[in-house]
């Protein structure tokens, strides 16, 4: 879809939508939530395959709302994505899955009985604004799982409505219009299937899976009497049950606003991926299935879900790449209407690197130029000397665009080298230069960086060993 600016061709006519749009900025976002539920819902199916087989290997979509023939045409259905053999279905090709998350309150729905309740309760619906949009690419050829987070305030063209926030597409035209709008935003990338989830079963699902280990970066307190929602979490590593996990995920007071929530989504995803695919999950299969089936709408079949889940269960930590749509804030975020303005060049590069799109501006694999890489340093050790030594070491190696970012509150044993903008080549080159650390493709570091280095205890140990050797350059 062209990136040119267009005017609003016609307003979203629903009185209900006008009401929802006015609350879009104000109401507590559940953006974090859908990453967890969407990816976890897909991943745990590998562990519950036996139960699903016992039910049925259905080839019918698990939809709660039927699509018209025109809407079905939006999704790439002409080529099968799985094949069966004597064991379990497997993927035949790379597959792009759109995950949409909705959160609808009684105050968002016309004629809802909120006056009888005395507060704004949740409604079991998929038809609201999309608090979160994710594009997942399951790539069996390269054994990679890529997850692209699309901020809900992203400015995009929606057919029939002009340039507006991308989260309005689902409300205006359901999953088909959302998929079409997002495909156009990303340069025409095909979307094979969609999956919509809502907030209703999330807390129960977390409890069904068991507690999730999370590092809470700071004390979190919040009170919303209108929704009867309260947050009270202490800083530190802890196991969160469903209720406390929702408190952690719904905390919104962050200097980065929705982008901060996207970063917390990715942090939580790492924990969920590593904790849910355990043998103990099999014992919880009945509760998991009972929660998921009532809170999911998708044109995936059971066979396809099993193939996706089986693939996800084989992924190593380093093979899961979590990205965020490249862009920048439209202003200070305090105006009545603020946007995340997408970077078309950044999108082309990211789609070419991680989603199999051909970038007409790319001439193949590029050589990493240390002098061009923007590096942010986040310290988790509390040792100022460790930061100074890191900067000196990088500058000696030719990395001159280095700055110190916010301190990383979670103490790390192993240094993390984050490909903040998806540039895995630069992150891997830094790993070779430092001789330590773990490379991760995720966007949880400094927004202004190409690569963020979160210093761990292993760097302190290396400094000590280097300081004892007079042959080490730069010290």
Foldseek 3Di string as FASTA:
>chain_A
DDPDADAFLDALPDPLQVQVVLCVQPDQFLQLQQLLCVVLVLQCLLLQVVVLVVVHQDQFFLFPDDDDPVLLVQAPDPDDQWDDDPPAIAGPFKAKEKEFEDWDWLSSDPPRVCVVVVATETDQDQQHFGSWIWIWIQGPVVLFIEIETEHQQAFWQQPNTGTGGLRCQCNRPRPSSSSVGVCVVLPNFHHHKYKYFYDVLQLLLQQLQPWFWDFQLAFAWDDDVRHRQTAGDHGGIDTDHSNNVSSSLRGQPDQVGSVLSLLVSVRRSLRSLVRRLDNVSNVSNVSNCVRVSSTMGMRGGSSRSNNSNSSSNPHDQQRYAYAYFDFDKPDSPPDSRIHGYGDNVLSLVQCVQPVVDDRPPDPDDDDDQLCPFAEEEAEQPPDVVLVVLVQLLSVVVPNDNYDYDYHRPHAAAFKEKEQQSQPQNVSVVVCVSLVGGDYHNHNNADSVGRIYIYDHNVSVVVVVVVVVDPVDPRD
